[in-house]
Amino acid sequence: MTFGKYPDVSLSLARNRHADSRTLLAAGVDPMALRKAEKSAEQVADQNSFTTIADQWFEHWKHGKSPRHVDSTRRRLNSNILSTLGARQITDIEAPDVLAMVRVSRLAVFVI
């Protein structure tokens, strides 16, 4: 198990991480399996962010549209929607969040 490269990870930090791993092992938890599970959870969270879903939608939606309309929609998406909801998980967004986003950005109509 590695704890990082020197000099990015100091010797004292590596010792602390080692001690934490030994504590986990003593408690019956495999620190490598835990690290892999956390990394996998981060990847799933990235894949389910509103930004990722919006980008997938936009790539599908833009085919057959005029370049001017595509550019306009992308700018409005970035400035009005992704700036507010982009980092959030798609499962965490509810109707009141969307309503607040519309009110804050003074977005009258945005048809997706």
C-alpha atoms as a PDB file:
ATOM      1  CA  MET A   1       0.000   0.000   0.000  1.00  0.00           C
ATOM      2  CA  THR A   2       1.378   3.393  -0.924  1.00  0.00           C
ATOM      3  CA  PHE A   3       0.575   6.680   0.754  1.00  0.00           C
ATOM      4  CA  GLY A   4       1.875   9.060  -1.894  1.00  0.00           C
ATOM      5  CA  LYS A   5       5.102  10.245  -3.467  1.00  0.00           C
ATOM      6  CA  TYR A   6       7.762  12.204  -1.679  1.00  0.00           C
ATOM      7  CA  PRO A   7       7.883  15.265  -1.459  1.00  0.00           C
ATOM      8  CA  ASP A   8       4.114  15.553  -2.089  1.00  0.00           C
ATOM      9  CA  VAL A   9       3.514  13.454   1.015  1.00  0.00           C
ATOM     10  CA  SER A  10       5.747  14.249   3.956  1.00  0.00           C
ATOM     11  CA  LEU A  11       7.234  11.534   6.135  1.00  0.00           C
ATOM     12  CA  SER A  12       5.035  12.506   9.076  1.00  0.00           C
ATOM     13  CA  LEU A  13       1.900  12.370   6.903  1.00  0.00           C
ATOM     14  CA  ALA A  14       2.937   8.955   5.550  1.00  0.00           C
ATOM     15  CA  ARG A  15       3.445   7.731   9.119  1.00  0.00           C
ATOM     16  CA  ASN A  16      -0.002   8.996  10.094  1.00  0.00           C
ATOM     17  CA  ARG A  17      -1.601   7.285   7.112  1.00  0.00           C
ATOM     18  CA  HIS A  18       0.274   4.084   7.969  1.00  0.00           C
ATOM     19  CA  ALA A  19      -0.970   4.229  11.553  1.00  0.00           C
ATOM     20  CA  ASP A  20      -4.535   4.782  10.328  1.00  0.00           C
ATOM     21  CA  SER A  21      -4.232   1.768   8.016  1.00  0.00           C
ATOM     22  CA  ARG A  22      -2.922  -0.402  10.837  1.00  0.00           C
ATOM     23  CA  THR A  23      -5.852   0.698  12.990  1.00  0.00           C
ATOM     24  CA  LEU A  24      -8.267  -0.292  10.236  1.00  0.00           C
ATOM     25  CA  LEU A  25      -6.564  -3.668   9.869  1.00  0.00           C
ATOM     26  CA  ALA A  26      -6.803  -4.241  13.606  1.00  0.00           C
ATOM     27  CA  ALA A  27     -10.539  -3.518  13.368  1.00  0.00           C
ATOM     28  CA  GLY A  28     -10.885  -6.134  10.615  1.00  0.00           C
ATOM     29  CA  VAL A  29     -11.210  -3.678   7.725  1.00  0.00           C
ATOM     30  CA  ASP A  30      -8.997  -4.042   4.649  1.00  0.00           C
ATOM     31  CA  PRO A  31      -7.639  -0.513   3.971  1.00  0.00           C
ATOM     32  CA  MET A  32      -7.005  -1.263   0.278  1.00  0.00           C
ATOM     33  CA  ALA A  33     -10.547  -2.522  -0.239  1.00  0.00           C
ATOM     34  CA  LEU A  34     -11.839   0.563   1.567  1.00  0.00           C
ATOM     35  CA  ARG A  35      -9.736   2.843  -0.662  1.00  0.00           C
ATOM     36  CA  LYS A  36     -11.017   1.091  -3.807  1.00  0.00           C
ATOM     37  CA  ALA A  37     -14.616   1.378  -2.615  1.00  0.00           C
ATOM     38  CA  GLU A  38     -14.187   5.100  -1.920  1.00  0.00           C
ATOM     39  CA  LYS A  39     -12.612   5.658  -5.338  1.00  0.00           C
ATOM     40  CA  SER A  40     -15.442   3.743  -7.014  1.00  0.00           C
ATOM     41  CA  ALA A  41     -18.013   5.829  -5.119  1.00  0.00           C
ATOM     42  CA  GLU A  42     -16.294   9.028  -6.302  1.00  0.00           C
ATOM     43  CA  GLN A  43     -16.424   7.834  -9.917  1.00  0.00           C
ATOM     44  CA  VAL A  44     -20.123   7.021  -9.626  1.00  0.00           C
ATOM     45  CA  ALA A  45     -20.741  10.427  -8.065  1.00  0.00           C
ATOM     46  CA  ASP A  46     -18.915  12.107 -10.977  1.00  0.00           C
ATOM     47  CA  GLN A  47     -20.977  10.159 -13.492  1.00  0.00           C
ATOM     48  CA  ASN A  48     -24.211  11.174 -11.774  1.00  0.00           C
ATOM     49  CA  SER A  49     -23.504  14.880 -11.405  1.00  0.00           C
ATOM     50  CA  PHE A  50     -25.937  17.240 -13.068  1.00  0.00           C
ATOM     51  CA  THR A  51     -23.119  18.582 -15.255  1.00  0.00           C
ATOM     52  CA  THR A  52     -22.313  15.129 -16.634  1.00  0.00           C
ATOM     53  CA  ILE A  53     -25.958  14.361 -17.367  1.00  0.00           C
ATOM     54  CA  ALA A  54     -26.482  17.808 -18.930  1.00  0.00           C
ATOM     55  CA  ASP A  55     -23.402  17.355 -21.139  1.00  0.00           C
ATOM     56  CA  GLN A  56     -24.698  13.985 -22.333  1.00  0.00           C
ATOM     57  CA  TRP A  57     -28.086  15.497 -23.072  1.00  0.00           C
ATOM     58  CA  PHE A  58     -26.525  18.439 -24.902  1.00  0.00           C
ATOM     59  CA  GLU A  59     -24.377  16.199 -27.127  1.00  0.00           C
ATOM     60  CA  HIS A  60     -27.492  14.249 -28.094  1.00  0.00           C
ATOM     61  CA  TRP A  61     -29.705  17.321 -28.479  1.00  0.00           C
ATOM     62  CA  LYS A  62     -27.432  19.499 -30.658  1.00  0.00           C
ATOM     63  CA  HIS A  63     -27.545  17.289 -33.763  1.00  0.00           C
ATOM     64  CA  GLY A  64     -29.582  18.885 -36.504  1.00  0.00           C
ATOM     65  CA  LYS A  65     -29.669  22.314 -34.850  1.00  0.00           C
ATOM     66  CA  SER A  66     -28.144  25.462 -36.298  1.00  0.00           C
ATOM     67  CA  PRO A  67     -24.706  26.432 -34.938  1.00  0.00           C
ATOM     68  CA  ARG A  68     -26.113  29.715 -33.649  1.00  0.00           C
ATOM     69  CA  HIS A  69     -28.891  27.967 -31.710  1.00  0.00           C
ATOM     70  CA  VAL A  70     -26.452  25.389 -30.319  1.00  0.00           C
ATOM     71  CA  ASP A  71     -24.075  28.129 -29.159  1.00  0.00           C
ATOM     72  CA  SER A  72     -26.879  30.166 -27.595  1.00  0.00           C
ATOM     73  CA  THR A  73     -28.279  27.153 -25.753  1.00  0.00           C
ATOM     74  CA  ARG A  74     -24.818  26.118 -24.489  1.00  0.00           C
ATOM     75  CA  ARG A  75     -24.147  29.617 -23.139  1.00  0.00           C
ATOM     76  CA  ARG A  76     -27.527  29.749 -21.390  1.00  0.00           C
ATOM     77  CA  LEU A  77     -27.036  26.255 -20.005  1.00  0.00           C
ATOM     78  CA  ASN A  78     -23.611  27.172 -18.608  1.00  0.00           C
ATOM     79  CA  SER A  79     -24.528  30.561 -17.179  1.00  0.00           C
ATOM     80  CA  ASN A  80     -28.041  29.939 -15.897  1.00  0.00           C
ATOM     81  CA  ILE A  81     -28.238  26.281 -14.972  1.00  0.00           C
ATOM     82  CA  LEU A  82     -24.839  24.655 -14.514  1.00  0.00           C
ATOM     83  CA  SER A  83     -23.566  27.529 -12.394  1.00  0.00           C
ATOM     84  CA  THR A  84     -26.300  26.710  -9.868  1.00  0.00           C
ATOM     85  CA  LEU A  85     -26.964  22.980 -10.182  1.00  0.00           C
ATOM     86  CA  GLY A  86     -23.887  21.665 -11.989  1.00  0.00           C
ATOM     87  CA  ALA A  87     -21.932  20.171  -9.089  1.00  0.00           C
ATOM     88  CA  ARG A  88     -24.942  18.527  -7.443  1.00  0.00           C
ATOM     89  CA  GLN A  89     -25.917  14.901  -7.826  1.00  0.00           C
ATOM     90  CA  ILE A  90     -28.832  14.362 -10.178  1.00  0.00           C
ATOM     91  CA  THR A  91     -30.643  12.346  -7.493  1.00  0.00           C
ATOM     92  CA  ASP A  92     -30.371  15.215  -4.985  1.00  0.00           C
ATOM     93  CA  ILE A  93     -32.080  17.813  -7.175  1.00  0.00           C
ATOM     94  CA  GLU A  94     -35.762  18.368  -6.459  1.00  0.00           C
ATOM     95  CA  ALA A  95     -38.438  20.659  -7.852  1.00  0.00           C
ATOM     96  CA  PRO A  96     -37.859  23.438  -5.274  1.00  0.00           C
ATOM     97  CA  ASP A  97     -34.172  23.525  -6.294  1.00  0.00           C
ATOM     98  CA  VAL A  98     -35.109  24.053  -9.929  1.00  0.00           C
ATOM     99  CA  LEU A  99     -37.645  26.705  -9.001  1.00  0.00           C
ATOM    100  CA  ALA A 100     -35.070  28.561  -6.888  1.00  0.00           C
ATOM    101  CA  MET A 101     -32.564  28.368  -9.752  1.00  0.00           C
ATOM    102  CA  VAL A 102     -35.112  29.859 -12.159  1.00  0.00           C
ATOM    103  CA  ARG A 103     -35.982  32.653  -9.751  1.00  0.00           C
ATOM    104  CA  VAL A 104     -32.356  33.504  -8.959  1.00  0.00           C
ATOM    105  CA  SER A 105     -31.198  33.588 -12.551  1.00  0.00           C
ATOM    106  CA  ARG A 106     -34.341  35.439 -13.658  1.00  0.00           C
ATOM    107  CA  LEU A 107     -34.710  32.835 -16.315  1.00  0.00           C
ATOM    108  CA  ALA A 108     -38.191  33.269 -17.737  1.00  0.00           C
ATOM    109  CA  VAL A 109     -38.261  30.380 -20.206  1.00  0.00           C
ATOM    110  CA  PHE A 110     -35.693  27.722 -20.940  1.00  0.00           C
ATOM    111  CA  VAL A 111     -37.045  24.785 -22.858  1.00  0.00           C
ATOM    112  CA  ILE A 112     -34.856  21.733 -22.884  1.00  0.00           C
END
